[in-house]
Amino acid sequence: MKIQKDTIALLHLKVANSKGQLIEASKEPMAVLIGGYGNTLPAIEAALEGQEAGFATTVALTPETGFGVRDESKLRTIAKKDFPPGVKVGGQLELREEENGEFQLFNVVKIKGDQVLLDGNHPLAGMDLKVSIKVASVRAASAEEIAHGHAHGEHGHHH
């Protein structure tokens, strides 16, 4: 079966920086619903379109096609006294934005004295990346998966 809209591709992924240093590798294959559902980056979906199980490729991502350009306005400093206990550097914190009331995920970058530095950028924002992809299998998505906009079952989303 070919990868196309409304198929589930089971992918092994490795993410490296532009120098080839490994940043992340999936231990288990990841089930991705294909077809513009936002389960993976458009550049990765485009590279997989029409391919079958066994296909392997490396996709070069720029900040624009990857995780975005760094936005320094997404940096925050909060007082350590306002910081929940147990969260450490490298951890994540969800804060409600004052402008729109929506929750934004921040990475804890540094704890300096009584200040905590937070970064709302994706950890891979601003980076040129190489994503190695190997397709383990391809299957048709169920009506429920299409309605929910993501893969279910093994290696997918569990209810």
C-alpha atoms as a PDB file:
ATOM      1  CA  MET A   1       0.000   0.000   0.000  1.00  0.00           C
ATOM      2  CA  LYS A   2       1.251   3.470  -0.865  1.00  0.00           C
ATOM      3  CA  ILE A   3       1.395   6.354   1.604  1.00  0.00           C
ATOM      4  CA  GLN A   4      -1.382   8.790   0.743  1.00  0.00           C
ATOM      5  CA  LYS A   5      -4.075  10.840   2.462  1.00  0.00           C
ATOM      6  CA  ASP A   6      -5.831   8.864   5.212  1.00  0.00           C
ATOM      7  CA  THR A   7      -3.181   6.159   5.562  1.00  0.00           C
ATOM      8  CA  ILE A   8      -1.225   5.356   8.726  1.00  0.00           C
ATOM      9  CA  ALA A   9       2.533   5.171   8.188  1.00  0.00           C
ATOM     10  CA  LEU A  10       4.569   3.422  10.879  1.00  0.00           C
ATOM     11  CA  LEU A  11       7.873   5.327  10.914  1.00  0.00           C
ATOM     12  CA  HIS A  12      11.288   4.961  12.497  1.00  0.00           C
ATOM     13  CA  LEU A  13      12.681   8.481  12.925  1.00  0.00           C
ATOM     14  CA  LYS A  14      16.112   9.885  13.708  1.00  0.00           C
ATOM     15  CA  VAL A  15      16.707  13.604  14.058  1.00  0.00           C
ATOM     16  CA  ALA A  16      20.229  15.014  13.699  1.00  0.00           C
ATOM     17  CA  ASN A  17      21.583  18.534  13.550  1.00  0.00           C
ATOM     18  CA  SER A  18      23.248  19.921  10.406  1.00  0.00           C
ATOM     19  CA  LYS A  19      26.597  18.480  11.588  1.00  0.00           C
ATOM     20  CA  GLY A  20      25.059  15.005  11.756  1.00  0.00           C
ATOM     21  CA  GLN A  21      25.009  14.768  15.575  1.00  0.00           C
ATOM     22  CA  LEU A  22      22.030  12.688  16.729  1.00  0.00           C
ATOM     23  CA  ILE A  23      19.480  14.734  18.693  1.00  0.00           C
ATOM     24  CA  GLU A  24      16.655  12.225  18.970  1.00  0.00           C
ATOM     25  CA  ALA A  25      15.837   8.728  17.748  1.00  0.00           C
ATOM     26  CA  SER A  26      12.555   6.903  18.177  1.00  0.00           C
ATOM     27  CA  LYS A  27      12.935   3.694  20.168  1.00  0.00           C
ATOM     28  CA  GLU A  28       9.551   2.454  18.973  1.00  0.00           C
ATOM     29  CA  PRO A  29       8.180   3.201  15.513  1.00  0.00           C
ATOM     30  CA  MET A  30       5.721   6.089  15.445  1.00  0.00           C
ATOM     31  CA  ALA A  31       2.287   5.749  13.816  1.00  0.00           C
ATOM     32  CA  VAL A  32       1.475   8.867  11.795  1.00  0.00           C
ATOM     33  CA  LEU A  33      -1.853   9.691  10.142  1.00  0.00           C
ATOM     34  CA  ILE A  34      -0.978  11.177   6.751  1.00  0.00           C
ATOM     35  CA  GLY A  35      -3.009  13.856   5.008  1.00  0.00           C
ATOM     36  CA  GLY A  36      -2.480  17.293   6.488  1.00  0.00           C
ATOM     37  CA  TYR A  37      -3.706  16.480  10.016  1.00  0.00           C
ATOM     38  CA  GLY A  38      -0.686  18.135  11.651  1.00  0.00           C
ATOM     39  CA  ASN A  39       0.744  14.826  12.939  1.00  0.00           C
ATOM     40  CA  THR A  40       4.076  15.534  11.315  1.00  0.00           C
ATOM     41  CA  LEU A  41       5.723  18.366   9.428  1.00  0.00           C
ATOM     42  CA  PRO A  42       4.446  19.100   5.890  1.00  0.00           C
ATOM     43  CA  ALA A  43       7.991  18.596   4.523  1.00  0.00           C
ATOM     44  CA  ILE A  44       8.062  15.059   5.963  1.00  0.00           C
ATOM     45  CA  GLU A  45       4.587  14.234   4.623  1.00  0.00           C
ATOM     46  CA  ALA A  46       5.643  15.491   1.182  1.00  0.00           C
ATOM     47  CA  ALA A  47       8.734  13.230   1.203  1.00  0.00           C
ATOM     48  CA  LEU A  48       6.603  10.182   2.122  1.00  0.00           C
ATOM     49  CA  GLU A  49       3.765  10.738  -0.354  1.00  0.00           C
ATOM     50  CA  GLY A  50       3.381   7.754  -2.694  1.00  0.00           C
ATOM     51  CA  GLN A  51       6.051   5.642  -0.932  1.00  0.00           C
ATOM     52  CA  GLU A  52       5.676   2.140   0.523  1.00  0.00           C
ATOM     53  CA  ALA A  53       6.964   0.018   3.423  1.00  0.00           C
ATOM     54  CA  GLY A  54      10.759  -0.284   3.296  1.00  0.00           C
ATOM     55  CA  PHE A  55      11.236   3.232   1.888  1.00  0.00           C
ATOM     56  CA  ALA A  56      13.969   5.212   3.601  1.00  0.00           C
ATOM     57  CA  THR A  57      14.993   8.822   3.120  1.00  0.00           C
ATOM     58  CA  THR A  58      16.589  11.766   4.851  1.00  0.00           C
ATOM     59  CA  VAL A  59      14.745  15.086   4.808  1.00  0.00           C
ATOM     60  CA  ALA A  60      16.733  18.285   5.317  1.00  0.00           C
ATOM     61  CA  LEU A  61      14.727  20.825   7.312  1.00  0.00           C
ATOM     62  CA  THR A  62      15.412  24.518   7.646  1.00  0.00           C
ATOM     63  CA  PRO A  63      13.860  26.489  10.531  1.00  0.00           C
ATOM     64  CA  GLU A  64      11.135  27.563   8.068  1.00  0.00           C
ATOM     65  CA  THR A  65      10.227  23.978   7.053  1.00  0.00           C
ATOM     66  CA  GLY A  66      11.019  22.503  10.475  1.00  0.00           C
ATOM     67  CA  PHE A  67      10.199  23.810  13.933  1.00  0.00           C
ATOM     68  CA  GLY A  68      10.180  27.526  13.203  1.00  0.00           C
ATOM     69  CA  VAL A  69      12.549  30.439  13.526  1.00  0.00           C
ATOM     70  CA  ARG A  70      13.489  31.315  17.106  1.00  0.00           C
ATOM     71  CA  ASP A  71      11.257  34.041  18.514  1.00  0.00           C
ATOM     72  CA  GLU A  72      12.952  35.932  21.336  1.00  0.00           C
ATOM     73  CA  SER A  73       9.568  37.325  22.428  1.00  0.00           C
ATOM     74  CA  LYS A  74       8.795  33.789  23.669  1.00  0.00           C
ATOM     75  CA  LEU A  75      11.406  34.078  26.426  1.00  0.00           C
ATOM     76  CA  ARG A  76      10.042  34.664  29.937  1.00  0.00           C
ATOM     77  CA  THR A  77      11.572  35.236  33.346  1.00  0.00           C
ATOM     78  CA  ILE A  78       9.506  34.422  36.406  1.00  0.00           C
ATOM     79  CA  ALA A  79      10.289  34.657  40.099  1.00  0.00           C
ATOM     80  CA  LYS A  80      11.441  31.367  41.608  1.00  0.00           C
ATOM     81  CA  LYS A  81       8.817  31.798  44.375  1.00  0.00           C
ATOM     82  CA  ASP A  82       6.085  31.591  41.656  1.00  0.00           C
ATOM     83  CA  PHE A  83       7.634  28.424  40.268  1.00  0.00           C
ATOM     84  CA  PRO A  84       6.096  25.026  41.068  1.00  0.00           C
ATOM     85  CA  PRO A  85       8.334  22.804  43.195  1.00  0.00           C
ATOM     86  CA  GLY A  86       9.979  19.823  41.560  1.00  0.00           C
ATOM     87  CA  VAL A  87      10.351  21.352  38.086  1.00  0.00           C
ATOM     88  CA  LYS A  88      14.008  21.414  37.047  1.00  0.00           C
ATOM     89  CA  VAL A  89      16.117  22.789  34.204  1.00  0.00           C
ATOM     90  CA  GLY A  90      15.217  20.808  31.099  1.00  0.00           C
ATOM     91  CA  GLY A  91      11.664  20.348  32.369  1.00  0.00           C
ATOM     92  CA  GLN A  92       8.544  21.951  30.944  1.00  0.00           C
ATOM     93  CA  LEU A  93       5.937  24.249  32.378  1.00  0.00           C
ATOM     94  CA  GLU A  94       2.586  25.330  30.994  1.00  0.00           C
ATOM     95  CA  LEU A  95       1.653  28.968  31.577  1.00  0.00           C
ATOM     96  CA  ARG A  96      -1.477  30.900  30.649  1.00  0.00           C
ATOM     97  CA  GLU A  97      -0.636  33.772  28.298  1.00  0.00           C
ATOM     98  CA  GLU A  98      -1.949  37.140  29.456  1.00  0.00           C
ATOM     99  CA  GLU A  99      -2.696  38.429  25.931  1.00  0.00           C
ATOM    100  CA  ASN A 100      -5.003  35.637  24.773  1.00  0.00           C
ATOM    101  CA  GLY A 101      -5.580  33.436  27.833  1.00  0.00           C
ATOM    102  CA  GLU A 102      -4.271  30.372  25.974  1.00  0.00           C
ATOM    103  CA  PHE A 103      -1.813  27.945  27.520  1.00  0.00           C
ATOM    104  CA  GLN A 104       1.732  27.947  26.173  1.00  0.00           C
ATOM    105  CA  LEU A 105       4.361  25.308  26.874  1.00  0.00           C
ATOM    106  CA  PHE A 106       7.704  26.648  28.091  1.00  0.00           C
ATOM    107  CA  ASN A 107      11.016  24.842  28.514  1.00  0.00           C
ATOM    108  CA  VAL A 108      12.902  25.604  31.716  1.00  0.00           C
ATOM    109  CA  VAL A 109      16.236  26.939  30.470  1.00  0.00           C
ATOM    110  CA  LYS A 110      18.009  28.223  33.571  1.00  0.00           C
ATOM    111  CA  ILE A 111      17.463  28.878  37.277  1.00  0.00           C
ATOM    112  CA  LYS A 112      19.571  31.835  38.336  1.00  0.00           C
ATOM    113  CA  GLY A 113      19.262  33.070  41.925  1.00  0.00           C
ATOM    114  CA  ASP A 114      15.598  33.847  42.502  1.00  0.00           C
ATOM    115  CA  GLN A 115      14.787  34.008  38.771  1.00  0.00           C
ATOM    116  CA  VAL A 116      13.714  31.202  36.418  1.00  0.00           C
ATOM    117  CA  LEU A 117      14.316  31.608  32.661  1.00  0.00           C
ATOM    118  CA  LEU A 118      11.698  30.015  30.403  1.00  0.00           C
ATOM    119  CA  ASP A 119      11.691  29.589  26.626  1.00  0.00           C
ATOM    120  CA  GLY A 120       8.431  29.126  24.695  1.00  0.00           C
ATOM    121  CA  ASN A 121      10.199  28.210  21.445  1.00  0.00           C
ATOM    122  CA  HIS A 122      10.192  24.567  20.335  1.00  0.00           C
ATOM    123  CA  PRO A 123      13.528  23.060  21.507  1.00  0.00           C
ATOM    124  CA  LEU A 124      14.468  22.509  17.839  1.00  0.00           C
ATOM    125  CA  ALA A 125      13.421  26.003  16.670  1.00  0.00           C
ATOM    126  CA  GLY A 126      16.010  27.886  14.655  1.00  0.00           C
ATOM    127  CA  MET A 127      17.919  24.729  13.725  1.00  0.00           C
ATOM    128  CA  ASP A 128      18.791  23.132  10.405  1.00  0.00           C
ATOM    129  CA  LEU A 129      17.964  19.453  10.864  1.00  0.00           C
ATOM    130  CA  LYS A 130      18.318  16.156   9.064  1.00  0.00           C
ATOM    131  CA  VAL A 131      15.462  13.742   9.677  1.00  0.00           C
ATOM    132  CA  SER A 132      16.098  10.127   8.683  1.00  0.00           C
ATOM    133  CA  ILE A 133      12.898   8.202   8.075  1.00  0.00           C
ATOM    134  CA  LYS A 134      12.329   4.515   7.464  1.00  0.00           C
ATOM    135  CA  VAL A 135       8.811   3.294   6.697  1.00  0.00           C
ATOM    136  CA  ALA A 136       8.034   0.090   8.631  1.00  0.00           C
ATOM    137  CA  SER A 137       4.485  -0.347   7.326  1.00  0.00           C
ATOM    138  CA  VAL A 138       1.526   1.426   5.742  1.00  0.00           C
ATOM    139  CA  ARG A 139      -2.163   0.731   6.333  1.00  0.00           C
ATOM    140  CA  ALA A 140      -5.487   2.412   5.702  1.00  0.00           C
ATOM    141  CA  ALA A 141      -6.660   4.634   8.543  1.00  0.00           C
ATOM    142  CA  SER A 142      -9.954   3.757  10.242  1.00  0.00           C
ATOM    143  CA  ALA A 143     -12.919   6.148  10.110  1.00  0.00           C
ATOM    144  CA  GLU A 144     -12.388   6.809  13.837  1.00  0.00           C
ATOM    145  CA  GLU A 145      -8.701   7.700  13.328  1.00  0.00           C
ATOM    146  CA  ILE A 146      -9.620  10.087  10.508  1.00  0.00           C
ATOM    147  CA  ALA A 147     -12.366  11.669  12.664  1.00  0.00           C
ATOM    148  CA  HIS A 148      -9.935  12.080  15.587  1.00  0.00           C
ATOM    149  CA  GLY A 149      -7.086  13.268  13.353  1.00  0.00           C
ATOM    150  CA  HIS A 150      -4.446  10.815  14.663  1.00  0.00           C
ATOM    151  CA  ALA A 151      -3.422   7.141  14.739  1.00  0.00           C
ATOM    152  CA  HIS A 152      -4.817   4.808  17.411  1.00  0.00           C
ATOM    153  CA  GLY A 153      -3.690   1.417  18.665  1.00  0.00           C
ATOM    154  CA  GLU A 154      -0.154   0.086  18.675  1.00  0.00           C
ATOM    155  CA  HIS A 155       2.400   2.940  18.541  1.00  0.00           C
ATOM    156  CA  GLY A 156      -0.425   5.441  18.106  1.00  0.00           C
ATOM    157  CA  HIS A 157      -2.602   7.314  20.587  1.00  0.00           C
ATOM    158  CA  HIS A 158      -4.280   5.215  23.297  1.00  0.00           C
ATOM    159  CA  HIS A 159      -7.595   6.130  24.904  1.00  0.00           C
END
